[in-house]
Amino acid sequence: SVAPAIHVSPEDIAYVIYTSGSTGIPKGIVMPHRALS
């Protein structure tokens, strides 16, 4: 139940969120922890 001893850097990815693509293929936006912080 303890938090894992894992280091996460500001540039590591937090999520990928998909949005519509003009070519017909959805695009996955790669968002790092830095931006969210």
PDB file of all heavy atoms in Angstrom:
ATOM      1  N   SER A   1       0.810  -1.222   0.000  1.00  0.00           N
ATOM      2  CA  SER A   1       0.000   0.000   0.000  1.00  0.00           C
ATOM      3  C   SER A   1       0.844   1.274   0.000  1.00  0.00           C
ATOM      4  O   SER A   1       0.305   2.374  -0.054  1.00  0.00           O
ATOM      5  CB  SER A   1      -0.933   0.011   1.223  1.00  0.00           C
ATOM      6  OG  SER A   1      -0.178  -0.071   2.420  1.00  0.00           O
ATOM      7  N   VAL A   2       2.168   1.136   0.075  1.00  0.00           N
ATOM      8  CA  VAL A   2       3.026   2.321   0.044  1.00  0.00           C
ATOM      9  C   VAL A   2       3.272   2.738  -1.402  1.00  0.00           C
ATOM     10  O   VAL A   2       3.216   1.921  -2.321  1.00  0.00           O
ATOM     11  CB  VAL A   2       4.376   2.059   0.750  1.00  0.00           C
ATOM     12  CG1 VAL A   2       4.143   1.774   2.225  1.00  0.00           C
ATOM     13  CG2 VAL A   2       5.108   0.905   0.087  1.00  0.00           C
ATOM     14  N   ALA A   3       3.541   4.008  -1.593  1.00  0.00           N
ATOM     15  CA  ALA A   3       3.811   4.509  -2.943  1.00  0.00           C
ATOM     16  C   ALA A   3       5.091   3.876  -3.480  1.00  0.00           C
ATOM     17  O   ALA A   3       6.073   3.734  -2.750  1.00  0.00           O
ATOM     18  CB  ALA A   3       3.945   6.027  -2.924  1.00  0.00           C
ATOM     19  N   PRO A   4       5.090   3.463  -4.740  1.00  0.00           N
ATOM     20  CA  PRO A   4       6.306   2.850  -5.306  1.00  0.00           C
ATOM     21  C   PRO A   4       7.441   3.865  -5.396  1.00  0.00           C
ATOM     22  O   PRO A   4       7.207   5.057  -5.620  1.00  0.00           O
ATOM     23  CB  PRO A   4       5.855   2.400  -6.701  1.00  0.00           C
ATOM     24  CG  PRO A   4       4.655   3.230  -7.014  1.00  0.00           C
ATOM     25  CD  PRO A   4       3.987   3.517  -5.706  1.00  0.00           C
ATOM     26  N   ALA A   5       8.655   3.374  -5.226  1.00  0.00           N
ATOM     27  CA  ALA A   5       9.839   4.249  -5.261  1.00  0.00           C
ATOM     28  C   ALA A   5      10.252   4.463  -6.714  1.00  0.00           C
ATOM     29  O   ALA A   5      11.265   3.932  -7.184  1.00  0.00           O
ATOM     30  CB  ALA A   5      10.968   3.626  -4.455  1.00  0.00           C
ATOM     31  N   ILE A   6       9.453   5.230  -7.420  1.00  0.00           N
ATOM     32  CA  ILE A   6       9.684   5.474  -8.851  1.00  0.00           C
ATOM     33  C   ILE A   6       9.860   6.971  -9.071  1.00  0.00           C
ATOM     34  O   ILE A   6       9.060   7.778  -8.594  1.00  0.00           O
ATOM     35  CB  ILE A   6       8.503   4.941  -9.684  1.00  0.00           C
ATOM     36  CG1 ILE A   6       8.481   3.406  -9.631  1.00  0.00           C
ATOM     37  CG2 ILE A   6       8.573   5.424 -11.131  1.00  0.00           C
ATOM     38  CD1 ILE A   6       7.292   2.778 -10.293  1.00  0.00           C
ATOM     39  N   HIS A   7      10.915   7.324  -9.782  1.00  0.00           N
ATOM     40  CA  HIS A   7      11.158   8.732 -10.095  1.00  0.00           C
ATOM     41  C   HIS A   7      10.459   9.089 -11.410  1.00  0.00           C
ATOM     42  O   HIS A   7      10.598   8.388 -12.408  1.00  0.00           O
ATOM     43  CB  HIS A   7      12.645   9.015 -10.220  1.00  0.00           C
ATOM     44  CG  HIS A   7      12.958  10.402 -10.689  1.00  0.00           C
ATOM     45  ND1 HIS A   7      12.799  11.516  -9.887  1.00  0.00           N
ATOM     46  CD2 HIS A   7      13.393  10.855 -11.893  1.00  0.00           C
ATOM     47  CE1 HIS A   7      13.124  12.594 -10.574  1.00  0.00           C
ATOM     48  NE2 HIS A   7      13.491  12.231 -11.795  1.00  0.00           N
ATOM     49  N   VAL A   8       9.709  10.151 -11.382  1.00  0.00           N
ATOM     50  CA  VAL A   8       9.043  10.661 -12.582  1.00  0.00           C
ATOM     51  C   VAL A   8       9.583  12.058 -12.861  1.00  0.00           C
ATOM     52  O   VAL A   8       9.547  12.923 -11.986  1.00  0.00           O
ATOM     53  CB  VAL A   8       7.511  10.708 -12.401  1.00  0.00           C
ATOM     54  CG1 VAL A   8       6.846  11.310 -13.631  1.00  0.00           C
ATOM     55  CG2 VAL A   8       6.967   9.312 -12.133  1.00  0.00           C
ATOM     56  N   SER A   9      10.088  12.269 -14.068  1.00  0.00           N
ATOM     57  CA  SER A   9      10.649  13.575 -14.413  1.00  0.00           C
ATOM     58  C   SER A   9       9.568  14.473 -15.015  1.00  0.00           C
ATOM     59  O   SER A   9       8.528  13.980 -15.477  1.00  0.00           O
ATOM     60  CB  SER A   9      11.795  13.419 -15.408  1.00  0.00           C
ATOM     61  OG  SER A   9      11.274  13.262 -16.722  1.00  0.00           O
ATOM     62  N   PRO A  10       9.797  15.781 -15.020  1.00  0.00           N
ATOM     63  CA  PRO A  10       8.797  16.685 -15.613  1.00  0.00           C
ATOM     64  C   PRO A  10       8.505  16.385 -17.078  1.00  0.00           C
ATOM     65  O   PRO A  10       7.406  16.676 -17.555  1.00  0.00           O
ATOM     66  CB  PRO A  10       9.440  18.069 -15.453  1.00  0.00           C
ATOM     67  CG  PRO A  10      10.361  17.926 -14.296  1.00  0.00           C
ATOM     68  CD  PRO A  10      10.890  16.525 -14.381  1.00  0.00           C
ATOM     69  N   GLU A  11       9.461  15.801 -17.797  1.00  0.00           N
ATOM     70  CA  GLU A  11       9.247  15.526 -19.214  1.00  0.00           C
ATOM     71  C   GLU A  11       8.637  14.153 -19.485  1.00  0.00           C
ATOM     72  O   GLU A  11       8.316  13.830 -20.629  1.00  0.00           O
ATOM     73  CB  GLU A  11      10.569  15.674 -19.982  1.00  0.00           C
ATOM     74  CG  GLU A  11      11.151  17.079 -19.940  1.00  0.00           C
ATOM     75  CD  GLU A  11      10.168  18.151 -20.373  1.00  0.00           C
ATOM     76  OE1 GLU A  11       9.464  17.940 -21.372  1.00  0.00           O
ATOM     77  OE2 GLU A  11      10.098  19.196 -19.699  1.00  0.00           O
ATOM     78  N   ASP A  12       8.475  13.338 -18.443  1.00  0.00           N
ATOM     79  CA  ASP A  12       7.800  12.057 -18.636  1.00  0.00           C
ATOM     80  C   ASP A  12       6.335  12.295 -19.001  1.00  0.00           C
ATOM     81  O   ASP A  12       5.734  13.305 -18.624  1.00  0.00           O
ATOM     82  CB  ASP A  12       7.886  11.209 -17.357  1.00  0.00           C
ATOM     83  CG  ASP A  12       9.246  10.565 -17.176  1.00  0.00           C
ATOM     84  OD1 ASP A  12       9.986  10.465 -18.168  1.00  0.00           O
ATOM     85  OD2 ASP A  12       9.573  10.174 -16.041  1.00  0.00           O
ATOM     86  N   ILE A  13       5.758  11.328 -19.705  1.00  0.00           N
ATOM     87  CA  ILE A  13       4.379  11.477 -20.189  1.00  0.00           C
ATOM     88  C   ILE A  13       3.388  11.205 -19.064  1.00  0.00           C
ATOM     89  O   ILE A  13       3.543  10.236 -18.306  1.00  0.00           O
ATOM     90  CB  ILE A  13       4.115  10.520 -21.367  1.00  0.00           C
ATOM     91  CG1 ILE A  13       5.141  10.736 -22.477  1.00  0.00           C
ATOM     92  CG2 ILE A  13       2.702  10.694 -21.910  1.00  0.00           C
ATOM     93  CD1 ILE A  13       5.100   9.662 -23.560  1.00  0.00           C
ATOM     94  N   ALA A  14       2.361  12.039 -18.966  1.00  0.00           N
ATOM     95  CA  ALA A  14       1.273  11.840 -18.002  1.00  0.00           C
ATOM     96  C   ALA A  14       0.078  11.165 -18.668  1.00  0.00           C
ATOM     97  O   ALA A  14      -0.530  10.260 -18.105  1.00  0.00           O
ATOM     98  CB  ALA A  14       0.860  13.167 -17.381  1.00  0.00           C
ATOM     99  N   TYR A  15      -0.274  11.637 -19.856  1.00  0.00           N
ATOM    100  CA  TYR A  15      -1.389  11.003 -20.565  1.00  0.00           C
ATOM    101  C   TYR A  15      -1.244  11.212 -22.059  1.00  0.00           C
ATOM    102  O   TYR A  15      -0.511  12.099 -22.515  1.00  0.00           O
ATOM    103  CB  TYR A  15      -2.748  11.526 -20.085  1.00  0.00           C
ATOM    104  CG  TYR A  15      -3.045  12.989 -20.381  1.00  0.00           C
ATOM    105  CD1 TYR A  15      -3.305  13.442 -21.677  1.00  0.00           C
ATOM    106  CD2 TYR A  15      -3.114  13.931 -19.358  1.00  0.00           C
ATOM    107  CE1 TYR A  15      -3.597  14.769 -21.943  1.00  0.00           C
ATOM    108  CE2 TYR A  15      -3.406  15.260 -19.610  1.00  0.00           C
ATOM    109  CZ  TYR A  15      -3.652  15.672 -20.897  1.00  0.00           C
ATOM    110  OH  TYR A  15      -3.944  16.998 -21.163  1.00  0.00           O
ATOM    111  N   VAL A  16      -1.953  10.386 -22.814  1.00  0.00           N
ATOM    112  CA  VAL A  16      -2.145  10.589 -24.252  1.00  0.00           C
ATOM    113  C   VAL A  16      -3.647  10.713 -24.461  1.00  0.00           C
ATOM    114  O   VAL A  16      -4.415   9.837 -24.055  1.00  0.00           O
ATOM    115  CB  VAL A  16      -1.572   9.435 -25.082  1.00  0.00           C
ATOM    116  CG1 VAL A  16      -1.995   9.556 -26.545  1.00  0.00           C
ATOM    117  CG2 VAL A  16      -0.050   9.416 -24.983  1.00  0.00           C
ATOM    118  N   ILE A  17      -4.073  11.796 -25.061  1.00  0.00           N
ATOM    119  CA  ILE A  17      -5.487  12.028 -25.306  1.00  0.00           C
ATOM    120  C   ILE A  17      -5.694  12.153 -26.816  1.00  0.00           C
ATOM    121  O   ILE A  17      -4.910  12.834 -27.496  1.00  0.00           O
ATOM    122  CB  ILE A  17      -5.982  13.288 -24.551  1.00  0.00           C
ATOM    123  CG1 ILE A  17      -7.496  13.394 -24.581  1.00  0.00           C
ATOM    124  CG2 ILE A  17      -5.344  14.555 -25.083  1.00  0.00           C
ATOM    125  CD1 ILE A  17      -8.023  14.440 -23.608  1.00  0.00           C
ATOM    126  N   TYR A  18      -6.687  11.470 -27.332  1.00  0.00           N
ATOM    127  CA  TYR A  18      -6.902  11.429 -28.780  1.00  0.00           C
ATOM    128  C   TYR A  18      -7.901  12.495 -29.222  1.00  0.00           C
ATOM    129  O   TYR A  18      -8.914  12.731 -28.564  1.00  0.00           O
ATOM    130  CB  TYR A  18      -7.383  10.043 -29.226  1.00  0.00           C
ATOM    131  CG  TYR A  18      -6.231   9.089 -29.374  1.00  0.00           C
ATOM    132  CD1 TYR A  18      -5.719   8.428 -28.266  1.00  0.00           C
ATOM    133  CD2 TYR A  18      -5.606   8.902 -30.606  1.00  0.00           C
ATOM    134  CE1 TYR A  18      -4.632   7.571 -28.394  1.00  0.00           C
ATOM    135  CE2 TYR A  18      -4.522   8.052 -30.742  1.00  0.00           C
ATOM    136  CZ  TYR A  18      -4.037   7.393 -29.637  1.00  0.00           C
ATOM    137  OH  TYR A  18      -2.953   6.568 -29.768  1.00  0.00           O
ATOM    138  N   THR A  19      -7.564  13.120 -30.330  1.00  0.00           N
ATOM    139  CA  THR A  19      -8.450  14.108 -30.926  1.00  0.00           C
ATOM    140  C   THR A  19      -8.618  13.795 -32.402  1.00  0.00           C
ATOM    141  O   THR A  19      -7.839  13.034 -32.986  1.00  0.00           O
ATOM    142  CB  THR A  19      -7.894  15.533 -30.726  1.00  0.00           C
ATOM    143  OG1 THR A  19      -8.863  16.486 -31.141  1.00  0.00           O
ATOM    144  CG2 THR A  19      -6.610  15.747 -31.501  1.00  0.00           C
ATOM    145  N   SER A  20      -9.627  14.380 -32.987  1.00  0.00           N
ATOM    146  CA  SER A  20      -9.950  14.111 -34.385  1.00  0.00           C
ATOM    147  C   SER A  20      -8.798  14.537 -35.293  1.00  0.00           C
ATOM    148  O   SER A  20      -8.115  15.527 -35.035  1.00  0.00           O
ATOM    149  CB  SER A  20     -11.227  14.877 -34.747  1.00  0.00           C
ATOM    150  OG  SER A  20     -11.685  14.557 -36.026  1.00  0.00           O
ATOM    151  N   GLY A  21      -8.594  13.772 -36.385  1.00  0.00           N
ATOM    152  CA  GLY A  21      -7.519  14.083 -37.326  1.00  0.00           C
ATOM    153  C   GLY A  21      -8.053  14.457 -38.686  1.00  0.00           C
ATOM    154  O   GLY A  21      -8.989  13.825 -39.185  1.00  0.00           O
ATOM    155  N   SER A  22      -7.476  15.467 -39.312  1.00  0.00           N
ATOM    156  CA  SER A  22      -7.982  15.958 -40.602  1.00  0.00           C
ATOM    157  C   SER A  22      -7.797  14.939 -41.724  1.00  0.00           C
ATOM    158  O   SER A  22      -8.482  14.988 -42.739  1.00  0.00           O
ATOM    159  CB  SER A  22      -7.291  17.268 -40.973  1.00  0.00           C
ATOM    160  OG  SER A  22      -5.890  17.089 -41.049  1.00  0.00           O
ATOM    161  N   THR A  23      -6.855  13.990 -41.548  1.00  0.00           N
ATOM    162  CA  THR A  23      -6.634  12.976 -42.586  1.00  0.00           C
ATOM    163  C   THR A  23      -7.524  11.756 -42.385  1.00  0.00           C
ATOM    164  O   THR A  23      -7.453  10.802 -43.162  1.00  0.00           O
ATOM    165  CB  THR A  23      -5.172  12.515 -42.576  1.00  0.00           C
ATOM    166  OG1 THR A  23      -4.887  11.914 -41.301  1.00  0.00           O
ATOM    167  CG2 THR A  23      -4.230  13.673 -42.800  1.00  0.00           C
ATOM    168  N   GLY A  24      -8.342  11.765 -41.351  1.00  0.00           N
ATOM    169  CA  GLY A  24      -9.207  10.627 -41.064  1.00  0.00           C
ATOM    170  C   GLY A  24      -8.657   9.724 -39.986  1.00  0.00           C
ATOM    171  O   GLY A  24      -9.338   8.808 -39.531  1.00  0.00           O
ATOM    172  N   ILE A  25      -7.407   9.959 -39.553  1.00  0.00           N
ATOM    173  CA  ILE A  25      -6.785   9.130 -38.511  1.00  0.00           C
ATOM    174  C   ILE A  25      -6.684   9.965 -37.233  1.00  0.00           C
ATOM    175  O   ILE A  25      -6.102  11.049 -37.242  1.00  0.00           O
ATOM    176  CB  ILE A  25      -5.386   8.664 -38.937  1.00  0.00           C
ATOM    177  CG1 ILE A  25      -5.473   7.853 -40.227  1.00  0.00           C
ATOM    178  CG2 ILE A  25      -4.736   7.843 -37.831  1.00  0.00           C
ATOM    179  CD1 ILE A  25      -4.129   7.473 -40.797  1.00  0.00           C
ATOM    180  N   PRO A  26      -7.253   9.502 -36.114  1.00  0.00           N
ATOM    181  CA  PRO A  26      -7.157  10.264 -34.853  1.00  0.00           C
ATOM    182  C   PRO A  26      -5.699  10.486 -34.456  1.00  0.00           C
ATOM    183  O   PRO A  26      -4.816   9.689 -34.778  1.00  0.00           O
ATOM    184  CB  PRO A  26      -7.875   9.362 -33.849  1.00  0.00           C
ATOM    185  CG  PRO A  26      -8.734   8.467 -34.668  1.00  0.00           C
ATOM    186  CD  PRO A  26      -8.011   8.254 -35.961  1.00  0.00           C
ATOM    187  N   LYS A  27      -5.458  11.585 -33.757  1.00  0.00           N
ATOM    188  CA  LYS A  27      -4.106  11.938 -33.317  1.00  0.00           C
ATOM    189  C   LYS A  27      -4.027  11.823 -31.797  1.00  0.00           C
ATOM    190  O   LYS A  27      -4.893  12.350 -31.086  1.00  0.00           O
ATOM    191  CB  LYS A  27      -3.765  13.372 -33.729  1.00  0.00           C
ATOM    192  CG  LYS A  27      -3.773  13.618 -35.220  1.00  0.00           C
ATOM    193  CD  LYS A  27      -3.464  15.072 -35.555  1.00  0.00           C
ATOM    194  CE  LYS A  27      -4.536  16.016 -35.049  1.00  0.00           C
ATOM    195  NZ  LYS A  27      -4.368  17.393 -35.533  1.00  0.00           N
ATOM    196  N   GLY A  28      -2.979  11.173 -31.314  1.00  0.00           N
ATOM    197  CA  GLY A  28      -2.762  11.066 -29.876  1.00  0.00           C
ATOM    198  C   GLY A  28      -1.848  12.180 -29.397  1.00  0.00           C
ATOM    199  O   GLY A  28      -0.675  12.245 -29.771  1.00  0.00           O
ATOM    200  N   ILE A  29      -2.363  13.077 -28.575  1.00  0.00           N
ATOM    201  CA  ILE A  29      -1.583  14.198 -28.048  1.00  0.00           C
ATOM    202  C   ILE A  29      -0.827  13.732 -26.807  1.00  0.00           C
ATOM    203  O   ILE A  29      -1.426  13.219 -25.862  1.00  0.00           O
ATOM    204  CB  ILE A  29      -2.496  15.381 -27.705  1.00  0.00           C
ATOM    205  CG1 ILE A  29      -3.210  15.882 -28.963  1.00  0.00           C
ATOM    206  CG2 ILE A  29      -1.707  16.515 -27.050  1.00  0.00           C
ATOM    207  CD1 ILE A  29      -4.357  16.838 -28.684  1.00  0.00           C
ATOM    208  N   VAL A  30       0.489  13.897 -26.829  1.00  0.00           N
ATOM    209  CA  VAL A  30       1.364  13.398 -25.763  1.00  0.00           C
ATOM    210  C   VAL A  30       1.654  14.543 -24.795  1.00  0.00           C
ATOM    211  O   VAL A  30       2.380  15.481 -25.119  1.00  0.00           O
ATOM    212  CB  VAL A  30       2.678  12.851 -26.358  1.00  0.00           C
ATOM    213  CG1 VAL A  30       3.584  12.324 -25.253  1.00  0.00           C
ATOM    214  CG2 VAL A  30       2.383  11.751 -27.381  1.00  0.00           C
ATOM    215  N   MET A  31       1.077  14.452 -23.582  1.00  0.00           N
ATOM    216  CA  MET A  31       1.192  15.549 -22.613  1.00  0.00           C
ATOM    217  C   MET A  31       2.110  15.162 -21.460  1.00  0.00           C
ATOM    218  O   MET A  31       1.876  14.157 -20.787  1.00  0.00           O
ATOM    219  CB  MET A  31      -0.196  15.910 -22.078  1.00  0.00           C
ATOM    220  CG  MET A  31      -0.214  17.167 -21.236  1.00  0.00           C
ATOM    221  SD  MET A  31       0.305  18.668 -22.138  1.00  0.00           S
ATOM    222  CE  MET A  31      -1.134  18.942 -23.184  1.00  0.00           C
ATOM    223  N   PRO A  32       3.171  15.939 -21.215  1.00  0.00           N
ATOM    224  CA  PRO A  32       4.097  15.621 -20.125  1.00  0.00           C
ATOM    225  C   PRO A  32       3.634  16.195 -18.784  1.00  0.00           C
ATOM    226  O   PRO A  32       2.804  17.099 -18.719  1.00  0.00           O
ATOM    227  CB  PRO A  32       5.397  16.296 -20.584  1.00  0.00           C
ATOM    228  CG  PRO A  32       4.914  17.507 -21.338  1.00  0.00           C
ATOM    229  CD  PRO A  32       3.641  17.074 -22.030  1.00  0.00           C
ATOM    230  N   HIS A  33       4.212  15.668 -17.716  1.00  0.00           N
ATOM    231  CA  HIS A  33       3.913  16.173 -16.371  1.00  0.00           C
ATOM    232  C   HIS A  33       4.243  17.658 -16.247  1.00  0.00           C
ATOM    233  O   HIS A  33       3.557  18.397 -15.524  1.00  0.00           O
ATOM    234  CB  HIS A  33       4.719  15.382 -15.330  1.00  0.00           C
ATOM    235  CG  HIS A  33       4.188  14.011 -15.066  1.00  0.00           C
ATOM    236  ND1 HIS A  33       3.257  13.743 -14.101  1.00  0.00           N
ATOM    237  CD2 HIS A  33       4.462  12.818 -15.660  1.00  0.00           C
ATOM    238  CE1 HIS A  33       2.974  12.453 -14.091  1.00  0.00           C
ATOM    239  NE2 HIS A  33       3.688  11.869 -15.036  1.00  0.00           N
ATOM    240  N   ARG A  34       5.293  18.092 -16.932  1.00  0.00           N
ATOM    241  CA  ARG A  34       5.710  19.498 -16.833  1.00  0.00           C
ATOM    242  C   ARG A  34       4.570  20.445 -17.156  1.00  0.00           C
ATOM    243  O   ARG A  34       4.270  21.378 -16.409  1.00  0.00           O
ATOM    244  CB  ARG A  34       6.882  19.736 -17.786  1.00  0.00           C
ATOM    245  CG  ARG A  34       7.331  21.177 -17.911  1.00  0.00           C
ATOM    246  CD  ARG A  34       7.172  21.721 -19.330  1.00  0.00           C
ATOM    247  NE  ARG A  34       7.617  20.797 -20.343  1.00  0.00           N
ATOM    248  CZ  ARG A  34       6.984  20.642 -21.496  1.00  0.00           C
ATOM    249  NH1 ARG A  34       5.877  21.316 -21.764  1.00  0.00           N
ATOM    250  NH2 ARG A  34       7.419  19.790 -22.404  1.00  0.00           N
ATOM    251  N   ALA A  35       3.892  20.205 -18.270  1.00  0.00           N
ATOM    252  CA  ALA A  35       2.817  21.089 -18.701  1.00  0.00           C
ATOM    253  C   ALA A  35       1.674  21.102 -17.689  1.00  0.00           C
ATOM    254  O   ALA A  35       1.114  22.165 -17.360  1.00  0.00           O
ATOM    255  CB  ALA A  35       2.303  20.653 -20.068  1.00  0.00           C
ATOM    256  N   LEU A  36       1.323  19.930 -17.174  1.00  0.00           N
ATOM    257  CA  LEU A  36       0.209  19.841 -16.239  1.00  0.00           C
ATOM    258  C   LEU A  36       0.549  20.483 -14.899  1.00  0.00           C
ATOM    259  O   LEU A  36      -0.300  21.119 -14.269  1.00  0.00           O
ATOM    260  CB  LEU A  36      -0.182  18.378 -16.044  1.00  0.00           C
ATOM    261  CG  LEU A  36      -0.601  17.650 -17.323  1.00  0.00           C
ATOM    262  CD1 LEU A  36      -0.933  16.201 -17.024  1.00  0.00           C
ATOM    263  CD2 LEU A  36      -1.782  18.354 -17.976  1.00  0.00           C
ATOM    264  N   SER A  37       1.788  20.338 -14.452  1.00  0.00           N
ATOM    265  CA  SER A  37       2.193  20.937 -13.174  1.00  0.00           C
ATOM    266  C   SER A  37       2.073  22.460 -13.211  1.00  0.00           C
ATOM    267  O   SER A  37       1.559  23.079 -12.272  1.00  0.00           O
ATOM    268  CB  SER A  37       3.623  20.534 -12.827  1.00  0.00           C
ATOM    269  OG  SER A  37       3.707  19.152 -12.595  1.00  0.00           O
TER     270      SER A  37
END
